[in-house]
Amino acid sequence: MAELISPEDFHAAAGLDEWRAGPGSASVRYRTPDFSAGARFVGEIAQAADELDHHPDVDLRYGSVRIRTATHSEGGLTSKDVELAQRITGLARSLGFTSEAED
């Protein structure tokens, strides 16, 4: 059982400035140059999620990938979400993707 953390705790973790965190989840959207690049990014996210045994919601669109993470069993954010978000942020940066404001 993981302990819930606040959105402020989530943002206090290193490298998560571009994520938007609320009481129940955290999300980010990255711009991608095309659909294929986005699909490859989603594949890398899936691999990281399987390694961590913590799986986000992912929305692949032409030109962007939106990721939302929450620990459903706990009903909000936990350290699992921080670790996954840090991995995803690292992947995005390694691919040269930048975040964009969410609607």
N, C-alpha and C. Protein backbone atom coordinates (compact mmCIF):
# COMPACT_ATOMS: atom_id res chain seq x y z
N MET A 1 0.84 -1.18 0.00
CA MET A 1 0.00 0.00 0.00
C MET A 1 0.89 1.25 0.00
N ALA A 2 0.66 2.12 -0.94
CA ALA A 2 1.44 3.34 -1.07
C ALA A 2 0.71 4.50 -0.38
N GLU A 3 1.48 5.40 0.17
CA GLU A 3 0.92 6.56 0.86
C GLU A 3 0.62 7.68 -0.13
N LEU A 4 -0.56 8.29 0.01
CA LEU A 4 -0.92 9.42 -0.84
C LEU A 4 -0.01 10.61 -0.59
N ILE A 5 0.27 11.34 -1.67
CA ILE A 5 1.03 12.58 -1.56
C ILE A 5 0.18 13.71 -2.13
N SER A 6 0.51 14.93 -1.76
CA SER A 6 -0.22 16.09 -2.25
C SER A 6 0.32 16.53 -3.62
N PRO A 7 -0.44 17.33 -4.35
CA PRO A 7 0.09 17.89 -5.59
C PRO A 7 1.38 18.69 -5.34
N GLU A 8 1.46 19.35 -4.18
CA GLU A 8 2.68 20.11 -3.85
C GLU A 8 3.87 19.18 -3.66
N ASP A 9 3.64 18.03 -3.02
CA ASP A 9 4.71 17.04 -2.87
C ASP A 9 5.16 16.53 -4.23
N PHE A 10 4.19 16.31 -5.11
CA PHE A 10 4.52 15.84 -6.47
C PHE A 10 5.43 16.86 -7.15
N HIS A 11 5.05 18.14 -7.09
CA HIS A 11 5.83 19.18 -7.77
C HIS A 11 7.18 19.44 -7.11
N ALA A 12 7.31 19.08 -5.85
CA ALA A 12 8.59 19.26 -5.16
C ALA A 12 9.63 18.26 -5.64
N ALA A 13 9.20 17.19 -6.28
CA ALA A 13 10.14 16.19 -6.80
C ALA A 13 10.91 16.76 -7.99
N ALA A 14 12.13 16.33 -8.13
CA ALA A 14 13.01 16.84 -9.19
C ALA A 14 12.46 16.56 -10.59
N GLY A 15 12.50 17.59 -11.43
CA GLY A 15 12.22 17.44 -12.85
C GLY A 15 10.77 17.36 -13.27
N LEU A 16 9.85 17.73 -12.41
CA LEU A 16 8.44 17.58 -12.76
C LEU A 16 7.72 18.91 -12.93
N ASP A 17 8.45 19.97 -13.22
CA ASP A 17 7.87 21.30 -13.36
C ASP A 17 6.81 21.39 -14.45
N GLU A 18 6.97 20.62 -15.52
CA GLU A 18 6.05 20.74 -16.64
C GLU A 18 4.76 19.94 -16.43
N TRP A 19 4.69 19.14 -15.41
CA TRP A 19 3.49 18.36 -15.11
C TRP A 19 2.48 19.22 -14.36
N ARG A 20 1.20 18.98 -14.62
CA ARG A 20 0.11 19.62 -13.86
C ARG A 20 -0.42 18.57 -12.89
N ALA A 21 -0.40 18.89 -11.62
CA ALA A 21 -0.85 17.94 -10.60
C ALA A 21 -2.06 18.50 -9.86
N GLY A 22 -3.03 17.64 -9.66
CA GLY A 22 -4.20 17.97 -8.86
C GLY A 22 -4.34 16.93 -7.76
N PRO A 23 -5.41 16.98 -7.01
CA PRO A 23 -5.55 16.05 -5.89
C PRO A 23 -5.63 14.58 -6.29
N GLY A 24 -6.07 14.29 -7.51
CA GLY A 24 -6.26 12.90 -7.90
C GLY A 24 -5.29 12.35 -8.92
N SER A 25 -4.59 13.24 -9.65
CA SER A 25 -3.72 12.76 -10.72
C SER A 25 -2.76 13.87 -11.15
N ALA A 26 -1.84 13.50 -12.03
CA ALA A 26 -0.92 14.46 -12.64
C ALA A 26 -0.87 14.17 -14.14
N SER A 27 -0.70 15.22 -14.94
CA SER A 27 -0.70 15.01 -16.39
C SER A 27 0.24 15.99 -17.07
N VAL A 28 0.59 15.62 -18.29
CA VAL A 28 1.45 16.45 -19.14
C VAL A 28 1.14 16.10 -20.60
N ARG A 29 1.37 17.03 -21.49
CA ARG A 29 1.25 16.76 -22.92
C ARG A 29 2.54 17.20 -23.59
N TYR A 30 3.09 16.32 -24.43
CA TYR A 30 4.31 16.62 -25.17
C TYR A 30 4.00 16.76 -26.65
N ARG A 31 4.62 17.75 -27.26
CA ARG A 31 4.53 17.91 -28.71
C ARG A 31 5.47 16.89 -29.37
N THR A 32 5.00 16.28 -30.44
CA THR A 32 5.81 15.33 -31.21
C THR A 32 5.82 15.77 -32.66
N PRO A 33 6.88 15.48 -33.39
CA PRO A 33 6.96 15.98 -34.76
C PRO A 33 5.97 15.31 -35.72
N ASP A 34 5.56 14.09 -35.40
CA ASP A 34 4.61 13.39 -36.25
C ASP A 34 4.02 12.21 -35.49
N PHE A 35 3.09 11.52 -36.12
CA PHE A 35 2.38 10.42 -35.46
C PHE A 35 3.33 9.27 -35.12
N SER A 36 4.23 8.94 -36.04
CA SER A 36 5.16 7.83 -35.82
C SER A 36 6.07 8.09 -34.63
N ALA A 37 6.57 9.32 -34.51
CA ALA A 37 7.43 9.66 -33.37
C ALA A 37 6.63 9.55 -32.07
N GLY A 38 5.39 9.98 -32.10
CA GLY A 38 4.54 9.85 -30.93
C GLY A 38 4.31 8.39 -30.56
N ALA A 39 4.09 7.55 -31.56
CA ALA A 39 3.87 6.12 -31.31
C ALA A 39 5.12 5.47 -30.71
N ARG A 40 6.29 5.85 -31.19
CA ARG A 40 7.53 5.31 -30.61
C ARG A 40 7.67 5.75 -29.15
N PHE A 41 7.32 7.00 -28.88
CA PHE A 41 7.35 7.52 -27.51
C PHE A 41 6.39 6.72 -26.61
N VAL A 42 5.20 6.46 -27.11
CA VAL A 42 4.24 5.67 -26.35
C VAL A 42 4.80 4.28 -26.06
N GLY A 43 5.49 3.69 -27.02
CA GLY A 43 6.12 2.39 -26.81
C GLY A 43 7.16 2.44 -25.70
N GLU A 44 7.94 3.50 -25.66
CA GLU A 44 8.94 3.65 -24.61
C GLU A 44 8.29 3.88 -23.25
N ILE A 45 7.19 4.63 -23.23
CA ILE A 45 6.44 4.83 -21.99
C ILE A 45 5.91 3.48 -21.50
N ALA A 46 5.39 2.67 -22.41
CA ALA A 46 4.84 1.36 -22.05
C ALA A 46 5.92 0.48 -21.43
N GLN A 47 7.11 0.50 -22.00
CA GLN A 47 8.21 -0.30 -21.47
C GLN A 47 8.57 0.16 -20.06
N ALA A 48 8.68 1.45 -19.85
CA ALA A 48 8.99 1.99 -18.52
C ALA A 48 7.89 1.64 -17.53
N ALA A 49 6.64 1.75 -17.96
CA ALA A 49 5.51 1.45 -17.08
C ALA A 49 5.52 -0.02 -16.67
N ASP A 50 5.83 -0.91 -17.61
CA ASP A 50 5.90 -2.32 -17.27
C ASP A 50 7.04 -2.60 -16.29
N GLU A 51 8.18 -1.93 -16.50
CA GLU A 51 9.32 -2.11 -15.58
C GLU A 51 8.95 -1.67 -14.17
N LEU A 52 8.18 -0.58 -14.06
CA LEU A 52 7.80 -0.05 -12.75
C LEU A 52 6.51 -0.67 -12.21
N ASP A 53 5.84 -1.46 -13.04
CA ASP A 53 4.54 -2.04 -12.70
C ASP A 53 3.55 -0.95 -12.24
N HIS A 54 3.54 0.13 -13.01
CA HIS A 54 2.65 1.27 -12.75
C HIS A 54 2.31 1.89 -14.09
N HIS A 55 1.04 1.88 -14.46
CA HIS A 55 0.66 2.18 -15.83
C HIS A 55 -0.21 3.43 -15.94
N PRO A 56 0.24 4.40 -16.75
CA PRO A 56 -0.51 5.64 -16.93
C PRO A 56 -1.58 5.50 -18.01
N ASP A 57 -2.43 6.49 -18.09
CA ASP A 57 -3.33 6.64 -19.23
C ASP A 57 -2.57 7.45 -20.27
N VAL A 58 -2.60 7.01 -21.52
CA VAL A 58 -1.85 7.66 -22.59
C VAL A 58 -2.79 7.93 -23.76
N ASP A 59 -2.72 9.15 -24.28
CA ASP A 59 -3.55 9.56 -25.41
C ASP A 59 -2.62 10.01 -26.54
N LEU A 60 -2.55 9.22 -27.60
CA LEU A 60 -1.71 9.51 -28.75
C LEU A 60 -2.54 10.23 -29.81
N ARG A 61 -2.07 11.40 -30.22
CA ARG A 61 -2.69 12.18 -31.29
C ARG A 61 -1.62 12.57 -32.29
N TYR A 62 -2.04 13.00 -33.47
CA TYR A 62 -1.06 13.53 -34.41
C TYR A 62 -0.47 14.79 -33.78
N GLY A 63 0.82 14.79 -33.54
CA GLY A 63 1.50 15.97 -33.03
C GLY A 63 1.60 16.07 -31.52
N SER A 64 1.00 15.11 -30.78
CA SER A 64 1.13 15.18 -29.33
C SER A 64 0.81 13.85 -28.66
N VAL A 65 1.35 13.72 -27.45
CA VAL A 65 1.04 12.58 -26.58
C VAL A 65 0.72 13.16 -25.22
N ARG A 66 -0.45 12.81 -24.67
CA ARG A 66 -0.85 13.25 -23.35
C ARG A 66 -0.76 12.06 -22.40
N ILE A 67 -0.18 12.29 -21.24
CA ILE A 67 -0.01 11.24 -20.24
C ILE A 67 -0.67 11.70 -18.94
N ARG A 68 -1.41 10.80 -18.31
CA ARG A 68 -2.03 11.05 -17.01
C ARG A 68 -1.68 9.90 -16.10
N THR A 69 -1.18 10.21 -14.91
CA THR A 69 -0.84 9.16 -13.97
C THR A 69 -1.55 9.37 -12.63
N ALA A 70 -1.94 8.26 -12.04
CA ALA A 70 -2.57 8.24 -10.71
C ALA A 70 -2.40 6.82 -10.18
N THR A 71 -2.39 6.69 -8.89
CA THR A 71 -2.38 5.36 -8.28
C THR A 71 -3.83 5.03 -7.95
N HIS A 72 -4.47 4.32 -8.86
CA HIS A 72 -5.91 4.06 -8.76
C HIS A 72 -6.27 3.32 -7.47
N SER A 73 -5.41 2.40 -7.05
CA SER A 73 -5.71 1.62 -5.84
C SER A 73 -5.74 2.50 -4.59
N GLU A 74 -5.06 3.65 -4.64
CA GLU A 74 -5.01 4.56 -3.49
C GLU A 74 -5.92 5.78 -3.67
N GLY A 75 -6.40 5.97 -4.89
CA GLY A 75 -7.30 7.09 -5.15
C GLY A 75 -6.61 8.44 -5.28
N GLY A 76 -5.37 8.45 -5.73
CA GLY A 76 -4.66 9.72 -5.90
C GLY A 76 -3.21 9.52 -6.26
N LEU A 77 -2.41 10.52 -5.96
CA LEU A 77 -0.98 10.49 -6.28
C LEU A 77 -0.18 9.83 -5.17
N THR A 78 0.85 9.05 -5.59
CA THR A 78 1.78 8.44 -4.65
C THR A 78 3.19 8.56 -5.22
N SER A 79 4.16 8.06 -4.48
CA SER A 79 5.55 8.07 -4.96
C SER A 79 5.70 7.28 -6.24
N LYS A 80 4.82 6.32 -6.50
CA LYS A 80 4.86 5.58 -7.76
C LYS A 80 4.65 6.51 -8.95
N ASP A 81 3.76 7.48 -8.76
CA ASP A 81 3.48 8.45 -9.84
C ASP A 81 4.66 9.37 -10.06
N VAL A 82 5.32 9.75 -8.98
CA VAL A 82 6.52 10.58 -9.10
C VAL A 82 7.59 9.84 -9.90
N GLU A 83 7.85 8.60 -9.54
CA GLU A 83 8.89 7.82 -10.23
C GLU A 83 8.55 7.64 -11.71
N LEU A 84 7.30 7.31 -12.00
CA LEU A 84 6.90 7.14 -13.40
C LEU A 84 7.01 8.45 -14.16
N ALA A 85 6.53 9.54 -13.57
CA ALA A 85 6.60 10.84 -14.25
C ALA A 85 8.04 11.25 -14.51
N GLN A 86 8.92 10.99 -13.58
CA GLN A 86 10.34 11.31 -13.80
C GLN A 86 10.91 10.50 -14.96
N ARG A 87 10.54 9.24 -15.05
CA ARG A 87 11.01 8.40 -16.16
C ARG A 87 10.47 8.93 -17.49
N ILE A 88 9.19 9.27 -17.52
CA ILE A 88 8.57 9.76 -18.75
C ILE A 88 9.20 11.09 -19.16
N THR A 89 9.43 11.97 -18.21
CA THR A 89 10.07 13.25 -18.50
C THR A 89 11.45 13.03 -19.09
N GLY A 90 12.20 12.11 -18.53
CA GLY A 90 13.53 11.79 -19.06
C GLY A 90 13.46 11.26 -20.48
N LEU A 91 12.49 10.40 -20.76
CA LEU A 91 12.32 9.88 -22.12
C LEU A 91 12.00 11.02 -23.08
N ALA A 92 11.08 11.89 -22.69
CA ALA A 92 10.68 13.00 -23.57
C ALA A 92 11.88 13.90 -23.86
N ARG A 93 12.65 14.20 -22.85
CA ARG A 93 13.82 15.07 -23.05
C ARG A 93 14.85 14.40 -23.94
N SER A 94 15.05 13.09 -23.78
CA SER A 94 16.03 12.39 -24.61
C SER A 94 15.62 12.39 -26.08
N LEU A 95 14.31 12.50 -26.33
CA LEU A 95 13.80 12.54 -27.70
C LEU A 95 13.66 13.96 -28.23
N GLY A 96 13.93 14.94 -27.37
CA GLY A 96 13.84 16.34 -27.78
C GLY A 96 12.43 16.89 -27.79
N PHE A 97 11.50 16.22 -27.12
CA PHE A 97 10.11 16.68 -27.06
C PHE A 97 9.96 17.73 -25.97
N THR A 98 9.10 18.70 -26.22
CA THR A 98 8.81 19.73 -25.23
C THR A 98 7.34 19.62 -24.82
N SER A 99 7.07 20.07 -23.61
CA SER A 99 5.70 20.01 -23.13
C SER A 99 4.92 21.21 -23.66
N GLU A 100 3.62 21.06 -23.67
CA GLU A 100 2.76 22.17 -24.08
C GLU A 100 1.63 22.28 -23.06
N ALA A 101 1.08 23.45 -22.95
CA ALA A 101 -0.01 23.69 -22.00
C ALA A 101 -1.20 22.81 -22.36
N GLU A 102 -1.85 22.30 -21.33
CA GLU A 102 -3.03 21.48 -21.55
C GLU A 102 -4.26 22.35 -21.56
N ASP A 103 -5.29 21.87 -22.24
CA ASP A 103 -6.57 22.59 -22.30
C ASP A 103 -7.26 22.52 -20.96
